[in-house]
């Protein structure tokens, strides 16, 4: 199956096709991993509402998602997360160096959330 565009009818098949969690053995494991998109969405929404963000928790969810979905994680994230949260989400994707260079598309035109991006650099670059 070739995926030219993710939509409600095919995103689950796209996720299954790109799922590679070596520790998962059941469909429940797959659905538990899919819940991470919801967790990220909830944390980013809370940030938009209150200005408070649990950076380490969000980064952990992103890392796990990228580990189990590899390059398919980026389109899945942009499909599953609301558009008003994209700048914050893109800040994490850029910080983790997971924004694909090619092909150029609408994702590259989305601005990063400057406060989030600056905070990520301050928090994590200090630790190194």
Protein backbone atom coordinates (compact mmCIF):
# COMPACT_ATOMS: atom_id res chain seq x y z
CA UNK A 1 0.00 0.00 0.00
CA UNK A 2 1.38 3.37 -1.02
CA UNK A 3 0.55 6.30 1.22
CA UNK A 4 0.39 9.63 -0.55
CA UNK A 5 -1.56 11.38 2.18
CA UNK A 6 -2.51 10.39 5.72
CA UNK A 7 -6.19 10.51 6.56
CA UNK A 8 -8.64 8.96 9.00
CA UNK A 9 -9.04 5.93 6.76
CA UNK A 10 -5.37 5.01 6.41
CA UNK A 11 -3.29 6.44 9.28
CA UNK A 12 -3.71 3.29 11.41
CA UNK A 13 -2.50 1.08 8.57
CA UNK A 14 0.44 3.46 8.04
CA UNK A 15 1.28 3.22 11.76
CA UNK A 16 1.05 -0.58 11.77
CA UNK A 17 3.19 -0.85 8.63
CA UNK A 18 5.91 1.31 10.22
CA UNK A 19 5.71 -0.10 13.75
CA UNK A 20 8.87 -1.80 14.94
CA UNK A 21 8.88 -2.21 18.71
CA UNK A 22 10.98 -5.29 19.44
CA UNK A 23 9.48 -5.56 22.92
CA UNK A 24 5.88 -5.52 21.73
CA UNK A 25 4.17 -8.82 21.21
CA UNK A 26 0.47 -8.03 21.18
CA UNK A 27 -1.91 -5.57 19.62
CA UNK A 28 -2.40 -4.11 23.12
CA UNK A 29 1.30 -3.20 23.10
CA UNK A 30 0.79 -1.42 19.78
CA UNK A 31 -2.22 0.52 21.09
CA UNK A 32 -0.33 1.43 24.27
CA UNK A 33 2.42 2.89 22.09
CA UNK A 34 -0.17 4.75 20.01
CA UNK A 35 -1.41 6.41 23.21
CA UNK A 36 1.88 8.31 23.36
CA UNK A 37 0.54 10.61 20.64
CA UNK A 38 -2.38 11.43 22.91
CA UNK A 39 -0.02 12.02 25.86
CA UNK A 40 2.08 14.44 23.82
CA UNK A 41 -1.04 16.22 22.63
CA UNK A 42 -2.28 16.58 26.21
CA UNK A 43 1.07 17.93 27.45
CA UNK A 44 1.36 20.41 24.58
CA UNK A 45 -2.22 21.57 25.06
CA UNK A 46 -1.49 22.15 28.75
CA UNK A 47 1.54 24.22 27.76
CA UNK A 48 -0.57 26.38 25.42
CA UNK A 49 -3.11 26.90 28.19
CA UNK A 50 -0.84 27.44 31.21
CA UNK A 51 2.66 28.09 29.88
CA UNK A 52 3.92 25.11 31.90
CA UNK A 53 5.60 22.27 30.06
CA UNK A 54 7.21 19.09 31.37
CA UNK A 55 10.08 19.12 28.90
CA UNK A 56 11.70 15.85 30.01
CA UNK A 57 8.43 13.95 29.84
CA UNK A 58 7.63 15.27 26.37
CA UNK A 59 11.14 14.49 25.11
CA UNK A 60 10.88 10.94 26.50
CA UNK A 61 7.62 10.38 24.60
CA UNK A 62 9.14 11.79 21.40
CA UNK A 63 12.21 9.57 21.70
CA UNK A 64 10.10 6.47 22.22
CA UNK A 65 7.84 7.36 19.29
CA UNK A 66 10.84 7.90 17.02
CA UNK A 67 12.44 4.67 18.21
CA UNK A 68 9.37 2.58 17.35
CA UNK A 69 8.12 4.39 14.23
CA UNK A 70 11.43 5.74 12.87
CA UNK A 71 10.94 8.25 10.04
CA UNK A 72 7.19 7.58 9.97
CA UNK A 73 6.92 9.26 13.38
CA UNK A 74 7.05 12.77 11.90
CA UNK A 75 4.04 12.43 9.57
CA UNK A 76 2.14 10.55 12.29
CA UNK A 77 2.82 13.34 14.78
CA UNK A 78 1.64 16.02 12.38
CA UNK A 79 -1.47 13.98 11.60
CA UNK A 80 -2.38 13.18 15.21
CA UNK A 81 -1.55 16.54 16.84
CA UNK A 82 -3.81 19.58 16.40
CA UNK A 83 -2.53 22.31 14.06
CA UNK A 84 -2.49 24.97 16.77
CA UNK A 85 0.10 22.83 18.63
CA UNK A 86 2.38 22.33 15.62
CA UNK A 87 4.82 25.17 16.44
CA UNK A 88 5.45 23.72 19.91
CA UNK A 89 5.72 20.20 18.53
CA UNK A 90 8.07 21.37 15.78
CA UNK A 91 10.31 22.90 18.45
CA UNK A 92 10.87 19.41 19.89
CA UNK A 93 11.31 17.83 16.46
CA UNK A 94 13.91 20.44 15.50
CA UNK A 95 15.67 20.15 18.86
CA UNK A 96 15.86 16.36 18.47
CA UNK A 97 17.15 16.86 14.91
CA UNK A 98 14.31 14.78 13.46
CA UNK A 99 12.96 17.25 10.89
CA UNK A 100 13.64 15.68 7.51
CA UNK A 101 15.66 17.88 5.21
CA UNK A 102 13.92 16.49 2.11
CA UNK A 103 11.39 16.55 0.68
CA UNK A 104 10.57 20.15 1.45
CA UNK A 105 6.92 20.52 2.41
CA UNK A 106 4.51 22.52 4.57
CA UNK A 107 6.24 21.27 7.73
CA UNK A 108 9.28 23.37 6.91
CA UNK A 109 7.12 26.51 6.78
CA UNK A 110 5.73 26.06 10.30
CA UNK A 111 7.50 28.36 12.74
CA UNK A 112 8.89 26.94 15.98
CA UNK A 113 7.55 28.15 19.31
CA UNK A 114 10.40 30.48 20.30
CA UNK A 115 9.82 30.17 24.07
CA UNK A 116 9.79 26.39 23.90
CA UNK A 117 12.79 26.21 21.58
CA UNK A 118 14.82 28.61 23.74
CA UNK A 119 13.90 26.67 26.90
CA UNK A 120 14.94 23.36 25.33
CA UNK A 121 18.31 24.81 24.40
CA UNK A 122 18.84 26.31 27.85
CA UNK A 123 17.78 23.21 29.77
CA UNK A 124 19.52 20.54 27.74
CA UNK A 125 22.56 22.35 26.36
CA UNK A 126 23.50 23.33 29.92
CA UNK A 127 23.57 19.67 30.97
CA UNK A 128 26.18 18.76 28.35
